[in-house]
Amino acid sequence: MIDIIVKIVDNMLVLANAMSFYILIGLLMAGVLKQLVKDDFISSHLGENKTSSVIKATLFGIPMPVCSCSVIPLAKSLQKEGASKGAVQSFLISTPITGVDSILATYSFFGWFFTLYRVATSVVIAITTGLIQNYYEKETTIVQKQETQSCCSSGCCGSKKKEESKFSIKESFRYAYVTLFEDIYKSLFIGLVIGSVFTTFLPKELIGSLVEYKFLTYIAVLVIAMPLYVCATASLPIAAAFMLSGLSSGAAFVFLSAGPATNSVTMGVVASMFGKRSLMIYLGTIASLSVLFGFVLDNFFGDIQIINFQETNEDVNILDTISTIIMFGLIAYYMFFKKYLKKRD
């Protein structure tokens, strides 16, 4: 039993060392971006029910520093201000998948080719979903009169516009390591735990049998990924565990493409905002295109080395070690110490 626990912890450290530095840098970049981009910048460009609004929503969503939770009130805000259904759904897809922290963390695990492939295909998936949605709703403009309700505790969820302020390094750090990290720490830790458990226990024989039937593998991964509430960054160690256990890069891609944009919370929000038909279009397009691009990755780029880190703790540099200590320190603070301090007060 002790040997198993040691193996799980060891695998968790391997995954954490691979991503911690890039997560910390990505969060800081997100904090800087939050200072530079005005709160009403996106909503002011997406009001018309046109193809251009879908494309803009997708491109604006790529670098936005928000997680799977924080994107929901932003999407509801776009809906309230009159953005088309297609634009809002495109924003919901591209934003949580390709934030700056997720892009850097993806590189840390899978290298630049896979990272660029993931970003490019997420753009295609987001735009396609938005255009299909607008085609079925081309005479409908979304106008929601009631006040938007917040789903998370972060500062990005407020309905009031902030007054313009000067750039602040302090606020960048606060947004990165307080607001944003507090949003993702639970799913990040869960992702590391699940990834390390999968790496330890997932039978090689089962994976080997699945590899022979790639389409069935994609479907199995979809069934796991779509309801799972794990953000884009936290899903990376799980995808890495799949590949280390023998699954193809295409299967890992399906998990990373379909998961962050289709968790159970997002499904409920899309259904309540747009209706069941819109939800079916949303899920169907994401699932089918994720499988298609996973198939393309396996069959046309299968010879490219994807996994970008060592499976052991050998050759781990001091920067990775320090970053991992800081990351786990922040997780421990928000998971235990902050709650304890609140109870004392």
Protein backbone atom coordinates (compact mmCIF):
# COMPACT_ATOMS: atom_id res chain seq x y z
CA MET A 1 0.00 0.00 0.00
CA ILE A 2 2.79 2.43 0.91
CA ASP A 3 4.58 1.58 -2.35
CA ILE A 4 1.44 2.46 -4.32
CA ILE A 5 1.05 5.80 -2.53
CA VAL A 6 4.72 6.60 -3.15
CA LYS A 7 4.28 5.77 -6.85
CA ILE A 8 1.19 8.02 -7.12
CA VAL A 9 3.00 10.91 -5.41
CA ASP A 10 6.05 10.38 -7.62
CA ASN A 11 3.89 10.49 -10.77
CA MET A 12 2.15 13.60 -9.46
CA LEU A 13 5.51 15.33 -9.01
CA VAL A 14 6.53 14.37 -12.54
CA LEU A 15 3.38 15.99 -13.93
CA ALA A 16 3.68 19.03 -11.64
CA ASN A 17 7.34 19.60 -12.54
CA ALA A 18 6.41 19.55 -16.21
CA MET A 19 3.77 22.26 -15.94
CA SER A 20 4.26 24.38 -12.77
CA PHE A 21 6.68 26.96 -14.20
CA TYR A 22 4.54 27.51 -17.29
CA ILE A 23 1.36 27.81 -15.23
CA LEU A 24 2.88 30.45 -12.97
CA ILE A 25 4.22 32.45 -15.93
CA GLY A 26 0.97 32.02 -17.82
CA LEU A 27 -1.04 33.30 -14.86
CA LEU A 28 1.18 36.38 -14.62
CA MET A 29 0.73 37.04 -18.33
CA ALA A 30 -3.02 36.69 -17.80
CA GLY A 31 -2.83 39.26 -14.99
CA VAL A 32 -0.97 41.71 -17.23
CA LEU A 33 -3.47 41.12 -20.05
CA LYS A 34 -6.34 41.77 -17.68
CA GLN A 35 -4.83 45.19 -16.93
CA LEU A 36 -4.40 46.04 -20.61
CA VAL A 37 -7.78 44.91 -21.97
CA LYS A 38 -10.78 47.02 -20.98
CA ASP A 39 -13.79 45.20 -19.51
CA ASP A 40 -16.17 46.37 -22.24
CA PHE A 41 -13.77 45.84 -25.17
CA ILE A 42 -15.19 42.48 -26.24
CA SER A 43 -18.88 43.16 -25.69
CA SER A 44 -18.71 46.35 -27.76
CA HIS A 45 -17.62 44.39 -30.85
CA LEU A 46 -20.06 41.47 -30.81
CA GLY A 47 -23.51 42.98 -31.00
CA GLU A 48 -24.46 42.01 -34.56
CA ASN A 49 -25.73 38.63 -35.74
CA LYS A 50 -23.10 38.30 -38.47
CA THR A 51 -20.23 36.03 -39.43
CA SER A 52 -17.79 38.74 -38.41
CA SER A 53 -19.13 38.73 -34.84
CA VAL A 54 -18.52 34.98 -34.57
CA ILE A 55 -14.96 35.34 -35.84
CA LYS A 56 -14.30 38.28 -33.51
CA ALA A 57 -15.74 36.40 -30.52
CA THR A 58 -13.45 33.46 -31.25
CA LEU A 59 -10.32 35.54 -31.73
CA PHE A 60 -11.03 37.75 -28.71
CA GLY A 61 -11.58 34.65 -26.59
CA ILE A 62 -8.20 33.05 -27.36
CA PRO A 63 -5.94 35.14 -25.09
CA MET A 64 -8.56 36.06 -22.49
CA PRO A 65 -7.38 35.27 -18.94
CA VAL A 66 -10.50 33.49 -17.68
CA CYS A 67 -11.19 29.89 -16.69
CA SER A 68 -14.14 27.59 -17.35
CA CYS A 69 -16.09 29.16 -14.47
CA SER A 70 -15.26 32.80 -15.13
CA VAL A 71 -16.19 32.59 -18.82
CA ILE A 72 -19.83 31.84 -17.97
CA PRO A 73 -20.75 35.26 -16.48
CA LEU A 74 -18.81 36.91 -19.32
CA ALA A 75 -20.91 34.95 -21.82
CA LYS A 76 -24.10 35.94 -20.01
CA SER A 77 -22.95 39.55 -20.15
CA LEU A 78 -22.47 39.28 -23.92
CA GLN A 79 -25.94 37.80 -24.18
CA LYS A 80 -27.42 40.66 -22.17
CA GLU A 81 -25.74 43.24 -24.42
CA GLY A 82 -27.23 41.71 -27.57
CA ALA A 83 -24.52 39.43 -28.98
CA SER A 84 -25.72 36.70 -31.32
CA LYS A 85 -26.07 33.12 -30.12
CA GLY A 86 -23.27 32.07 -32.42
CA ALA A 87 -20.90 34.73 -31.09
CA VAL A 88 -21.58 33.82 -27.47
CA GLN A 89 -21.09 30.10 -28.10
CA SER A 90 -17.88 30.73 -30.05
CA PHE A 91 -16.61 32.75 -27.10
CA LEU A 92 -17.58 29.94 -24.70
CA ILE A 93 -15.52 27.45 -26.73
CA SER A 94 -12.36 29.38 -27.54
CA THR A 95 -11.87 31.20 -24.24
CA PRO A 96 -11.44 28.34 -21.72
CA ILE A 97 -9.44 26.17 -24.15
CA THR A 98 -6.79 28.65 -25.22
CA GLY A 99 -6.04 31.08 -22.41
CA VAL A 100 -2.43 32.20 -22.16
CA ASP A 101 -1.79 29.98 -19.12
CA SER A 102 -3.25 26.97 -20.92
CA ILE A 103 -1.17 27.63 -24.05
CA LEU A 104 2.09 27.71 -22.10
CA ALA A 105 1.12 24.69 -20.02
CA THR A 106 0.21 22.76 -23.18
CA TYR A 107 3.66 23.52 -24.56
CA SER A 108 5.27 22.26 -21.35
CA PHE A 109 3.67 18.84 -21.84
CA PHE A 110 3.33 18.40 -25.59
CA GLY A 111 5.61 20.87 -27.41
CA TRP A 112 4.90 23.64 -29.89
CA PHE A 113 3.41 21.55 -32.70
CA PHE A 114 0.64 20.08 -30.56
CA THR A 115 0.09 23.47 -28.90
CA LEU A 116 -0.33 25.31 -32.21
CA TYR A 117 -2.50 22.48 -33.53
CA ARG A 118 -4.72 22.75 -30.46
CA VAL A 119 -5.09 26.52 -30.77
CA ALA A 120 -5.74 26.43 -34.54
CA THR A 121 -8.33 23.66 -34.33
CA SER A 122 -10.10 25.31 -31.39
CA VAL A 123 -10.51 28.40 -33.57
CA VAL A 124 -12.04 26.28 -36.34
CA ILE A 125 -14.34 24.46 -33.89
CA ALA A 126 -15.47 27.70 -32.25
CA ILE A 127 -16.16 29.49 -35.54
CA THR A 128 -17.94 26.49 -37.06
CA THR A 129 -20.17 26.09 -34.01
CA GLY A 130 -21.04 29.78 -34.04
CA LEU A 131 -21.83 29.84 -37.76
CA ILE A 132 -24.03 26.73 -37.55
CA GLN A 133 -25.84 28.24 -34.56
CA ASN A 134 -26.43 31.53 -36.38
CA TYR A 135 -27.65 29.66 -39.46
CA TYR A 136 -30.45 28.08 -37.41
CA GLU A 137 -31.13 31.31 -35.55
CA LYS A 138 -30.40 33.90 -38.24
CA GLU A 139 -33.43 36.02 -37.46
CA THR A 140 -33.03 35.84 -33.71
CA THR A 141 -31.03 38.33 -31.69
CA ILE A 142 -30.25 37.55 -28.10
CA VAL A 143 -31.57 40.14 -25.67
CA GLN A 144 -31.73 39.23 -22.00
CA LYS A 145 -33.40 41.82 -19.80
CA GLN A 146 -32.86 40.36 -16.38
CA GLU A 147 -29.71 41.05 -14.42
CA THR A 148 -26.81 38.64 -14.96
CA GLN A 149 -26.12 36.39 -12.01
CA SER A 150 -22.53 35.57 -11.13
CA CYS A 151 -21.35 31.93 -10.97
CA CYS A 152 -18.01 32.49 -9.30
CA SER A 153 -16.39 34.66 -6.70
CA SER A 154 -13.74 36.25 -8.89
CA GLY A 155 -13.59 39.95 -9.57
CA CYS A 156 -14.20 39.43 -13.29
CA CYS A 157 -17.85 38.51 -12.67
CA GLY A 158 -19.21 41.86 -11.60
CA SER A 159 -21.91 43.62 -13.59
CA LYS A 160 -20.70 47.13 -12.98
CA LYS A 161 -18.13 48.69 -15.24
CA LYS A 162 -14.87 49.50 -13.63
CA GLU A 163 -13.47 52.95 -13.77
CA GLU A 164 -10.40 53.33 -15.93
CA SER A 165 -7.21 53.01 -13.98
CA LYS A 166 -3.50 53.03 -14.66
CA PHE A 167 -1.53 49.85 -15.21
CA SER A 168 -0.56 48.24 -11.93
CA ILE A 169 1.94 45.42 -11.44
CA LYS A 170 0.43 44.81 -8.01
CA GLU A 171 -3.04 44.33 -9.49
CA SER A 172 -1.58 42.05 -12.18
CA PHE A 173 -0.12 39.80 -9.49
CA ARG A 174 -3.34 40.00 -7.48
CA TYR A 175 -5.46 38.94 -10.43
CA ALA A 176 -2.99 36.18 -11.43
CA TYR A 177 -2.33 34.54 -8.07
CA VAL A 178 -5.43 35.51 -6.09
CA THR A 179 -8.44 35.92 -8.38
CA LEU A 180 -7.51 33.56 -11.20
CA PHE A 181 -5.60 30.93 -9.22
CA GLU A 182 -8.41 30.73 -6.67
CA ASP A 183 -10.74 29.92 -9.57
CA ILE A 184 -8.63 27.02 -10.84
CA TYR A 185 -6.79 25.54 -7.85
CA LYS A 186 -9.38 22.83 -7.10
CA SER A 187 -9.65 21.56 -10.66
CA LEU A 188 -5.87 21.86 -11.06
CA PHE A 189 -5.25 19.68 -8.01
CA ILE A 190 -7.95 17.21 -9.07
CA GLY A 191 -6.40 17.05 -12.52
CA LEU A 192 -2.98 16.25 -11.04
CA VAL A 193 -4.46 13.56 -8.79
CA ILE A 194 -6.45 11.94 -11.60
CA GLY A 195 -3.46 12.13 -13.94
CA SER A 196 -1.13 10.49 -11.43
CA VAL A 197 -3.70 7.76 -10.59
CA PHE A 198 -4.26 7.04 -14.28
CA THR A 199 -0.51 6.85 -14.86
CA THR A 200 -0.14 4.42 -11.95
CA PHE A 201 -3.12 2.12 -12.45
CA LEU A 202 -4.31 2.33 -16.07
CA PRO A 203 -3.60 -1.16 -17.46
CA LYS A 204 -1.31 -1.21 -20.47
CA GLU A 205 -3.28 -4.21 -21.81
CA LEU A 206 -6.54 -2.22 -21.84
CA ILE A 207 -4.87 0.67 -23.62
CA GLY A 208 -3.29 -1.70 -26.11
CA SER A 209 -6.68 -3.15 -27.03
CA LEU A 210 -8.18 0.31 -27.44
CA VAL A 211 -5.38 1.47 -29.75
CA GLU A 212 -6.49 -1.10 -32.33
CA TYR A 213 -9.89 0.62 -32.56
CA LYS A 214 -9.12 4.33 -32.66
CA PHE A 215 -12.68 5.50 -33.31
CA LEU A 216 -13.95 3.63 -30.27
CA THR A 217 -11.11 5.19 -28.28
CA TYR A 218 -12.22 8.66 -29.33
CA ILE A 219 -15.81 7.90 -28.30
CA ALA A 220 -14.68 6.53 -24.94
CA VAL A 221 -12.58 9.65 -24.32
CA LEU A 222 -15.54 11.87 -25.26
CA VAL A 223 -17.77 10.08 -22.76
CA ILE A 224 -15.18 10.77 -20.05
CA ALA A 225 -14.31 14.33 -21.10
CA MET A 226 -17.62 16.01 -21.88
CA PRO A 227 -19.30 15.95 -18.43
CA LEU A 228 -16.03 16.29 -16.47
CA TYR A 229 -15.63 19.71 -14.84
CA VAL A 230 -11.90 20.23 -15.31
CA CYS A 231 -10.52 23.45 -16.82
CA ALA A 232 -8.19 23.52 -19.83
CA THR A 233 -5.00 23.74 -17.77
CA ALA A 234 -6.03 21.11 -15.22
CA SER A 235 -6.99 18.65 -17.98
CA LEU A 236 -3.40 18.57 -19.28
CA PRO A 237 -1.96 16.12 -16.71
CA ILE A 238 -4.87 13.77 -17.37
CA ALA A 239 -4.23 13.87 -21.12
CA ALA A 240 -0.51 13.35 -20.51
CA ALA A 241 -1.34 10.33 -18.34
CA PHE A 242 -3.43 8.88 -21.17
CA MET A 243 -0.48 9.17 -23.56
CA LEU A 244 2.05 7.82 -21.06
CA SER A 245 -0.24 4.81 -20.65
CA GLY A 246 -0.27 4.19 -24.41
CA LEU A 247 -3.20 6.13 -25.85
CA SER A 248 -2.58 8.02 -29.09
CA SER A 249 -1.96 11.75 -29.35
CA GLY A 250 -5.29 12.02 -31.20
CA ALA A 251 -7.16 10.57 -28.22
CA ALA A 252 -5.39 13.01 -25.88
CA PHE A 253 -6.34 15.82 -28.26
CA VAL A 254 -10.01 14.78 -28.19
CA PHE A 255 -9.94 14.95 -24.40
CA LEU A 256 -8.30 18.40 -24.39
CA SER A 257 -10.53 19.76 -27.14
CA ALA A 258 -13.92 18.52 -25.99
CA GLY A 259 -13.50 18.62 -22.21
CA PRO A 260 -12.99 22.27 -21.18
CA ALA A 261 -15.82 23.65 -23.35
CA THR A 262 -18.42 20.96 -22.56
CA ASN A 263 -18.37 20.31 -18.82
CA SER A 264 -21.65 19.72 -17.01
CA VAL A 265 -21.85 23.30 -15.74
CA THR A 266 -21.40 24.81 -19.21
CA MET A 267 -23.98 22.40 -20.64
CA GLY A 268 -26.55 23.60 -18.13
CA VAL A 269 -25.77 27.25 -18.83
CA VAL A 270 -26.00 26.83 -22.62
CA ALA A 271 -29.32 25.01 -22.27
CA SER A 272 -30.78 27.66 -19.97
CA MET A 273 -29.51 30.57 -22.08
CA PHE A 274 -30.31 29.27 -25.57
CA GLY A 275 -32.50 26.17 -25.28
CA LYS A 276 -32.05 22.44 -25.83
CA ARG A 277 -31.67 22.65 -29.61
CA SER A 278 -28.81 25.08 -29.25
CA LEU A 279 -27.20 22.76 -26.70
CA MET A 280 -27.43 19.84 -29.15
CA ILE A 281 -25.80 21.94 -31.88
CA TYR A 282 -23.13 23.06 -29.42
CA LEU A 283 -22.28 19.55 -28.20
CA GLY A 284 -22.65 17.84 -31.57
CA THR A 285 -20.34 20.23 -33.40
CA ILE A 286 -17.66 20.16 -30.71
CA ALA A 287 -17.74 16.36 -30.44
CA SER A 288 -17.68 15.64 -34.17
CA LEU A 289 -14.94 18.14 -34.99
CA SER A 290 -12.83 17.06 -32.00
CA VAL A 291 -12.96 13.46 -33.26
CA LEU A 292 -12.18 14.60 -36.81
CA PHE A 293 -9.13 16.61 -35.77
CA GLY A 294 -8.00 13.82 -33.44
CA PHE A 295 -8.18 11.41 -36.40
CA VAL A 296 -6.18 13.83 -38.57
CA LEU A 297 -3.53 14.18 -35.85
CA ASP A 298 -3.14 10.41 -35.51
CA ASN A 299 -3.12 9.58 -39.21
CA PHE A 300 -1.14 12.47 -40.69
CA PHE A 301 1.12 13.56 -37.84
CA GLY A 302 1.47 10.32 -35.90
CA ASP A 303 5.26 10.19 -36.32
CA ILE A 304 5.83 13.53 -34.60
CA GLN A 305 7.14 13.35 -31.03
CA ILE A 306 4.40 14.81 -28.83
CA ILE A 307 5.22 14.13 -25.18
CA ASN A 308 7.64 16.88 -24.19
CA PHE A 309 8.86 15.83 -20.73
CA GLN A 310 10.66 13.01 -18.91
CA GLU A 311 8.67 10.28 -17.15
CA THR A 312 11.06 10.34 -14.20
CA ASN A 313 12.25 13.04 -11.83
CA GLU A 314 15.82 12.80 -13.14
CA ASP A 315 17.29 15.94 -14.69
CA VAL A 316 14.63 18.17 -13.10
CA ASN A 317 16.19 21.62 -12.79
CA ILE A 318 16.00 23.91 -9.78
CA LEU A 319 13.53 26.25 -11.53
CA ASP A 320 11.03 23.42 -12.00
CA THR A 321 11.43 22.39 -8.36
CA ILE A 322 10.91 25.94 -7.05
CA SER A 323 7.90 26.45 -9.34
CA THR A 324 6.34 23.19 -8.14
CA ILE A 325 6.85 24.18 -4.49
CA ILE A 326 5.23 27.57 -5.13
CA MET A 327 2.31 26.01 -7.02
CA PHE A 328 1.59 23.42 -4.32
CA GLY A 329 2.05 26.13 -1.68
CA LEU A 330 -0.65 28.22 -3.34
CA ILE A 331 -2.92 25.19 -3.65
CA ALA A 332 -2.45 24.38 0.05
CA TYR A 333 -3.10 28.00 1.03
CA TYR A 334 -6.43 28.22 -0.81
CA MET A 335 -7.46 24.67 0.05
CA PHE A 336 -6.69 24.76 3.79
CA PHE A 337 -5.11 27.84 5.32
CA LYS A 338 -7.39 30.50 3.87
CA LYS A 339 -10.47 28.62 5.07
CA TYR A 340 -8.88 28.20 8.50
CA LEU A 341 -8.09 31.92 8.72
CA LYS A 342 -11.67 32.79 7.77
CA LYS A 343 -13.03 30.54 10.52
CA ARG A 344 -10.75 32.21 13.05
CA ASP A 345 -12.05 35.64 12.04
